[in-house]
Amino acid sequence: MAHTNVEEVLAALDDVDFPADKDELLEAASSSGASAEVRTALRGIPPDEYANRQEVARSVRVDPDSDLDHSAAQHAEQARQGGRPGQSQYLREAPKPPVEEELHRRDER
C-alpha cells in the first residue's frame, strides 16, 4: 500500500485523456514528475481500462481513509458492496444513509 493519497494520484493524471489503461496512467504519472509513492500506487491497480478519474480513484490503494470522511454506516455499505476485482473496499462508492442526509440538511439550516 502506497503512502500517498487519492488527490496526489489524481493530480499526477491531469494530462490523461480517458479512457486510459494502466500503462498509459503510469506513463502519464512518470511524465508529470509524480512521486515514487504515486507511481507505486498506480502500479498496484488492476490492469484494466479506466473510463475516468473516479474509476482510478476507486481502484488505487492508498492509506485507508487518508483523505476521505466516511461515517461508520458508509464503511459498512462499502463492505457490503461488491466491487471490481482488486478494487479497494474503502474507496468504493458509498452514499450517505438517508438518516445522515437528513441530519446534514438540518445542520445546513
N, C-alpha and C. Protein backbone atom coordinates (compact mmCIF):
# COMPACT_ATOMS: atom_id res chain seq x y z
N MET A 1 0.85 -1.17 0.00
CA MET A 1 0.00 0.00 0.00
C MET A 1 0.90 1.24 0.00
N ALA A 2 0.60 2.17 -0.87
CA ALA A 2 1.42 3.36 -1.01
C ALA A 2 1.07 4.40 0.04
N HIS A 3 2.09 5.13 0.47
CA HIS A 3 1.87 6.20 1.45
C HIS A 3 1.67 7.51 0.70
N THR A 4 0.52 7.62 0.09
CA THR A 4 0.11 8.81 -0.65
C THR A 4 -1.39 8.94 -0.46
N ASN A 5 -2.01 9.87 -1.15
CA ASN A 5 -3.45 9.97 -1.07
C ASN A 5 -4.04 10.08 -2.46
N VAL A 6 -5.33 9.97 -2.55
CA VAL A 6 -6.02 9.96 -3.84
C VAL A 6 -5.80 11.27 -4.59
N GLU A 7 -5.81 12.38 -3.88
CA GLU A 7 -5.62 13.68 -4.54
C GLU A 7 -4.28 13.76 -5.23
N GLU A 8 -3.22 13.25 -4.60
CA GLU A 8 -1.89 13.26 -5.22
C GLU A 8 -1.86 12.38 -6.47
N VAL A 9 -2.50 11.24 -6.39
CA VAL A 9 -2.54 10.33 -7.54
C VAL A 9 -3.28 11.00 -8.69
N LEU A 10 -4.42 11.59 -8.42
CA LEU A 10 -5.21 12.22 -9.47
C LEU A 10 -4.51 13.45 -10.04
N ALA A 11 -3.77 14.17 -9.22
CA ALA A 11 -3.03 15.33 -9.70
C ALA A 11 -1.98 14.91 -10.73
N ALA A 12 -1.41 13.74 -10.55
CA ALA A 12 -0.41 13.24 -11.50
C ALA A 12 -1.04 12.83 -12.82
N LEU A 13 -2.36 12.73 -12.86
CA LEU A 13 -3.06 12.28 -14.06
C LEU A 13 -3.82 13.40 -14.76
N ASP A 14 -3.46 14.64 -14.47
CA ASP A 14 -4.17 15.78 -15.05
C ASP A 14 -4.17 15.78 -16.57
N ASP A 15 -3.11 15.30 -17.20
CA ASP A 15 -2.99 15.36 -18.66
C ASP A 15 -3.48 14.10 -19.36
N VAL A 16 -4.11 13.19 -18.64
CA VAL A 16 -4.56 11.92 -19.23
C VAL A 16 -5.87 12.11 -19.98
N ASP A 17 -5.91 11.56 -21.19
CA ASP A 17 -7.16 11.50 -21.96
C ASP A 17 -7.80 10.14 -21.70
N PHE A 18 -8.96 10.17 -21.07
CA PHE A 18 -9.66 8.93 -20.77
C PHE A 18 -10.56 8.55 -21.91
N PRO A 19 -10.82 7.27 -22.12
CA PRO A 19 -10.37 6.12 -21.34
C PRO A 19 -8.87 5.88 -21.51
N ALA A 20 -8.27 5.30 -20.48
CA ALA A 20 -6.84 5.01 -20.48
C ALA A 20 -6.60 3.71 -19.72
N ASP A 21 -5.59 2.98 -20.17
CA ASP A 21 -5.26 1.74 -19.45
C ASP A 21 -4.16 2.01 -18.42
N LYS A 22 -3.83 1.00 -17.67
CA LYS A 22 -2.86 1.13 -16.58
C LYS A 22 -1.52 1.65 -17.09
N ASP A 23 -1.03 1.13 -18.22
CA ASP A 23 0.25 1.56 -18.75
C ASP A 23 0.24 3.04 -19.11
N GLU A 24 -0.86 3.51 -19.69
CA GLU A 24 -0.98 4.93 -20.04
C GLU A 24 -0.99 5.80 -18.78
N LEU A 25 -1.63 5.32 -17.73
CA LEU A 25 -1.67 6.07 -16.47
C LEU A 25 -0.28 6.16 -15.86
N LEU A 26 0.45 5.04 -15.87
CA LEU A 26 1.82 5.04 -15.33
C LEU A 26 2.73 5.96 -16.14
N GLU A 27 2.59 5.94 -17.45
CA GLU A 27 3.40 6.81 -18.30
C GLU A 27 3.10 8.28 -18.03
N ALA A 28 1.83 8.60 -17.90
CA ALA A 28 1.44 9.99 -17.61
C ALA A 28 1.97 10.44 -16.26
N ALA A 29 1.91 9.57 -15.27
CA ALA A 29 2.41 9.92 -13.94
C ALA A 29 3.91 10.16 -13.98
N SER A 30 4.64 9.32 -14.69
CA SER A 30 6.09 9.50 -14.81
C SER A 30 6.41 10.80 -15.54
N SER A 31 5.66 11.09 -16.60
CA SER A 31 5.89 12.31 -17.38
C SER A 31 5.61 13.57 -16.57
N SER A 32 4.67 13.47 -15.64
CA SER A 32 4.31 14.65 -14.84
C SER A 32 5.23 14.83 -13.63
N GLY A 33 6.18 13.91 -13.46
CA GLY A 33 7.10 14.02 -12.34
C GLY A 33 6.51 13.56 -11.02
N ALA A 34 5.57 12.62 -11.09
CA ALA A 34 4.92 12.12 -9.88
C ALA A 34 5.92 11.45 -8.95
N SER A 35 5.62 11.50 -7.67
CA SER A 35 6.49 10.89 -6.66
C SER A 35 6.52 9.37 -6.82
N ALA A 36 7.51 8.77 -6.20
CA ALA A 36 7.63 7.31 -6.23
C ALA A 36 6.41 6.66 -5.58
N GLU A 37 5.85 7.29 -4.55
CA GLU A 37 4.67 6.73 -3.88
C GLU A 37 3.47 6.71 -4.81
N VAL A 38 3.30 7.78 -5.59
CA VAL A 38 2.18 7.83 -6.54
C VAL A 38 2.36 6.75 -7.61
N ARG A 39 3.56 6.61 -8.13
CA ARG A 39 3.81 5.57 -9.14
C ARG A 39 3.60 4.18 -8.57
N THR A 40 3.98 3.98 -7.32
CA THR A 40 3.76 2.69 -6.66
C THR A 40 2.27 2.41 -6.53
N ALA A 41 1.50 3.42 -6.14
CA ALA A 41 0.05 3.25 -6.02
C ALA A 41 -0.56 2.88 -7.36
N LEU A 42 -0.12 3.51 -8.43
CA LEU A 42 -0.65 3.20 -9.76
C LEU A 42 -0.23 1.82 -10.25
N ARG A 43 0.97 1.39 -9.88
CA ARG A 43 1.41 0.03 -10.27
C ARG A 43 0.54 -1.03 -9.60
N GLY A 44 -0.10 -0.68 -8.48
CA GLY A 44 -0.92 -1.63 -7.74
C GLY A 44 -2.35 -1.75 -8.23
N ILE A 45 -2.77 -0.96 -9.22
CA ILE A 45 -4.15 -1.05 -9.69
C ILE A 45 -4.29 -2.20 -10.68
N PRO A 46 -5.50 -2.74 -10.82
CA PRO A 46 -5.71 -3.83 -11.78
C PRO A 46 -5.41 -3.36 -13.21
N PRO A 47 -4.95 -4.27 -14.06
CA PRO A 47 -4.61 -3.91 -15.45
C PRO A 47 -5.84 -3.78 -16.33
N ASP A 48 -6.67 -2.83 -16.03
CA ASP A 48 -7.92 -2.60 -16.76
C ASP A 48 -7.84 -1.30 -17.53
N GLU A 49 -8.89 -1.02 -18.29
CA GLU A 49 -9.04 0.28 -18.90
C GLU A 49 -9.95 1.10 -17.99
N TYR A 50 -9.57 2.33 -17.72
CA TYR A 50 -10.30 3.20 -16.81
C TYR A 50 -11.00 4.28 -17.61
N ALA A 51 -12.30 4.43 -17.38
CA ALA A 51 -13.11 5.37 -18.14
C ALA A 51 -12.91 6.82 -17.68
N ASN A 52 -12.55 7.00 -16.41
CA ASN A 52 -12.41 8.36 -15.89
C ASN A 52 -11.58 8.35 -14.60
N ARG A 53 -11.35 9.54 -14.08
CA ARG A 53 -10.54 9.69 -12.88
C ARG A 53 -11.17 9.02 -11.66
N GLN A 54 -12.50 9.01 -11.59
CA GLN A 54 -13.19 8.40 -10.45
C GLN A 54 -12.91 6.90 -10.39
N GLU A 55 -12.86 6.24 -11.54
CA GLU A 55 -12.55 4.80 -11.54
C GLU A 55 -11.13 4.56 -11.04
N VAL A 56 -10.21 5.42 -11.41
CA VAL A 56 -8.84 5.30 -10.91
C VAL A 56 -8.84 5.50 -9.40
N ALA A 57 -9.54 6.53 -8.93
CA ALA A 57 -9.58 6.83 -7.50
C ALA A 57 -10.13 5.66 -6.70
N ARG A 58 -11.12 4.97 -7.24
CA ARG A 58 -11.72 3.84 -6.52
C ARG A 58 -10.84 2.60 -6.57
N SER A 59 -9.88 2.54 -7.48
CA SER A 59 -9.06 1.35 -7.65
C SER A 59 -7.69 1.44 -7.01
N VAL A 60 -7.19 2.65 -6.82
CA VAL A 60 -5.85 2.81 -6.29
C VAL A 60 -5.84 2.51 -4.79
N ARG A 61 -4.78 1.85 -4.34
CA ARG A 61 -4.65 1.51 -2.92
C ARG A 61 -3.76 2.53 -2.25
N VAL A 62 -4.33 3.23 -1.31
CA VAL A 62 -3.59 4.22 -0.51
C VAL A 62 -3.93 3.96 0.94
N ASP A 63 -3.35 4.74 1.83
CA ASP A 63 -3.67 4.58 3.25
C ASP A 63 -5.18 4.70 3.43
N PRO A 64 -5.80 3.74 4.10
CA PRO A 64 -7.25 3.81 4.30
C PRO A 64 -7.67 5.13 4.93
N ASP A 65 -8.68 5.71 4.34
CA ASP A 65 -9.27 6.96 4.84
C ASP A 65 -8.28 8.11 4.89
N SER A 66 -7.25 8.07 4.06
CA SER A 66 -6.26 9.13 4.09
C SER A 66 -6.85 10.48 3.77
N ASP A 67 -7.86 10.49 2.92
CA ASP A 67 -8.45 11.78 2.56
C ASP A 67 -9.96 11.66 2.38
N LEU A 68 -10.56 10.71 3.07
CA LEU A 68 -11.99 10.51 2.99
C LEU A 68 -12.62 10.77 4.35
N ASP A 69 -13.86 11.18 4.34
CA ASP A 69 -14.56 11.45 5.59
C ASP A 69 -15.84 10.62 5.61
N HIS A 70 -15.67 9.30 5.70
CA HIS A 70 -16.82 8.40 5.68
C HIS A 70 -17.25 8.06 7.10
N SER A 71 -18.56 7.92 7.25
CA SER A 71 -19.11 7.52 8.54
C SER A 71 -19.04 6.00 8.69
N ALA A 72 -19.36 5.51 9.88
CA ALA A 72 -19.38 4.06 10.11
C ALA A 72 -20.40 3.39 9.21
N ALA A 73 -21.54 4.04 8.98
CA ALA A 73 -22.57 3.47 8.10
C ALA A 73 -22.06 3.37 6.66
N GLN A 74 -21.30 4.36 6.22
CA GLN A 74 -20.75 4.30 4.87
C GLN A 74 -19.70 3.19 4.76
N HIS A 75 -18.88 3.03 5.79
CA HIS A 75 -17.91 1.93 5.78
C HIS A 75 -18.62 0.58 5.69
N ALA A 76 -19.72 0.43 6.40
CA ALA A 76 -20.48 -0.82 6.36
C ALA A 76 -21.04 -1.06 4.97
N GLU A 77 -21.54 0.00 4.33
CA GLU A 77 -22.07 -0.14 2.97
C GLU A 77 -20.96 -0.51 1.99
N GLN A 78 -19.79 0.06 2.17
CA GLN A 78 -18.66 -0.29 1.31
C GLN A 78 -18.31 -1.77 1.46
N ALA A 79 -18.38 -2.29 2.68
CA ALA A 79 -18.08 -3.70 2.91
C ALA A 79 -19.12 -4.60 2.27
N ARG A 80 -20.37 -4.16 2.23
CA ARG A 80 -21.44 -4.97 1.64
C ARG A 80 -21.39 -4.98 0.13
N GLN A 81 -20.94 -3.88 -0.46
CA GLN A 81 -20.93 -3.76 -1.91
C GLN A 81 -19.89 -4.68 -2.53
N GLY A 82 -20.23 -5.18 -3.68
CA GLY A 82 -19.22 -5.86 -4.48
C GLY A 82 -18.51 -4.82 -5.30
N GLY A 83 -17.32 -5.08 -5.65
CA GLY A 83 -16.56 -4.16 -6.49
C GLY A 83 -15.80 -4.93 -7.53
N ARG A 84 -15.12 -4.19 -8.37
CA ARG A 84 -14.29 -4.85 -9.36
C ARG A 84 -13.17 -5.58 -8.64
N PRO A 85 -12.71 -6.70 -9.17
CA PRO A 85 -11.59 -7.40 -8.54
C PRO A 85 -10.40 -6.46 -8.37
N GLY A 86 -9.84 -6.45 -7.20
CA GLY A 86 -8.70 -5.60 -6.92
C GLY A 86 -9.06 -4.20 -6.48
N GLN A 87 -10.33 -3.86 -6.48
CA GLN A 87 -10.74 -2.51 -6.08
C GLN A 87 -10.70 -2.39 -4.57
N SER A 88 -10.12 -1.34 -4.09
CA SER A 88 -10.00 -1.11 -2.66
C SER A 88 -11.39 -0.92 -2.05
N GLN A 89 -11.70 -1.71 -1.04
CA GLN A 89 -13.02 -1.67 -0.43
C GLN A 89 -13.35 -0.29 0.10
N TYR A 90 -12.40 0.36 0.78
CA TYR A 90 -12.70 1.62 1.42
C TYR A 90 -12.87 2.77 0.44
N LEU A 91 -12.60 2.53 -0.86
CA LEU A 91 -12.80 3.58 -1.85
C LEU A 91 -14.00 3.33 -2.75
N ARG A 92 -14.76 2.27 -2.48
CA ARG A 92 -15.97 2.04 -3.25
C ARG A 92 -16.97 3.15 -2.94
N GLU A 93 -17.79 3.44 -3.91
CA GLU A 93 -18.81 4.47 -3.69
C GLU A 93 -19.70 4.06 -2.53
N ALA A 94 -19.99 5.02 -1.67
CA ALA A 94 -20.84 4.74 -0.51
C ALA A 94 -21.65 5.98 -0.19
N PRO A 95 -22.86 6.06 -0.73
CA PRO A 95 -23.68 7.23 -0.43
C PRO A 95 -24.04 7.27 1.05
N LYS A 96 -24.30 8.47 1.52
CA LYS A 96 -24.71 8.61 2.92
C LYS A 96 -26.08 7.97 3.10
N PRO A 97 -26.29 7.30 4.22
CA PRO A 97 -27.61 6.75 4.51
C PRO A 97 -28.63 7.89 4.64
N PRO A 98 -29.90 7.61 4.40
CA PRO A 98 -30.93 8.67 4.48
C PRO A 98 -30.92 9.44 5.80
N VAL A 99 -30.68 8.77 6.89
CA VAL A 99 -30.67 9.45 8.19
C VAL A 99 -29.55 10.49 8.24
N GLU A 100 -28.37 10.12 7.74
CA GLU A 100 -27.26 11.06 7.75
C GLU A 100 -27.52 12.22 6.80
N GLU A 101 -28.15 11.96 5.67
CA GLU A 101 -28.51 13.03 4.74
C GLU A 101 -29.44 14.03 5.42
N GLU A 102 -30.43 13.53 6.13
CA GLU A 102 -31.38 14.41 6.83
C GLU A 102 -30.67 15.22 7.90
N LEU A 103 -29.78 14.61 8.66
CA LEU A 103 -29.05 15.34 9.69
C LEU A 103 -28.15 16.41 9.06
N HIS A 104 -27.56 16.10 7.93
CA HIS A 104 -26.72 17.06 7.23
C HIS A 104 -27.54 18.26 6.77
N ARG A 105 -28.73 17.99 6.24
CA ARG A 105 -29.61 19.08 5.80
C ARG A 105 -30.00 19.97 6.97
N ARG A 106 -30.26 19.36 8.11
CA ARG A 106 -30.65 20.15 9.30
C ARG A 106 -29.48 21.03 9.75
N ASP A 107 -28.26 20.50 9.67
CA ASP A 107 -27.09 21.28 10.07
C ASP A 107 -26.86 22.47 9.17
N GLU A 108 -27.25 22.37 7.92
CA GLU A 108 -27.04 23.46 6.97
C GLU A 108 -28.02 24.60 7.17
N ARG A 109 -29.11 24.37 7.84
CA ARG A 109 -30.12 25.41 8.03
C ARG A 109 -29.71 26.42 9.03
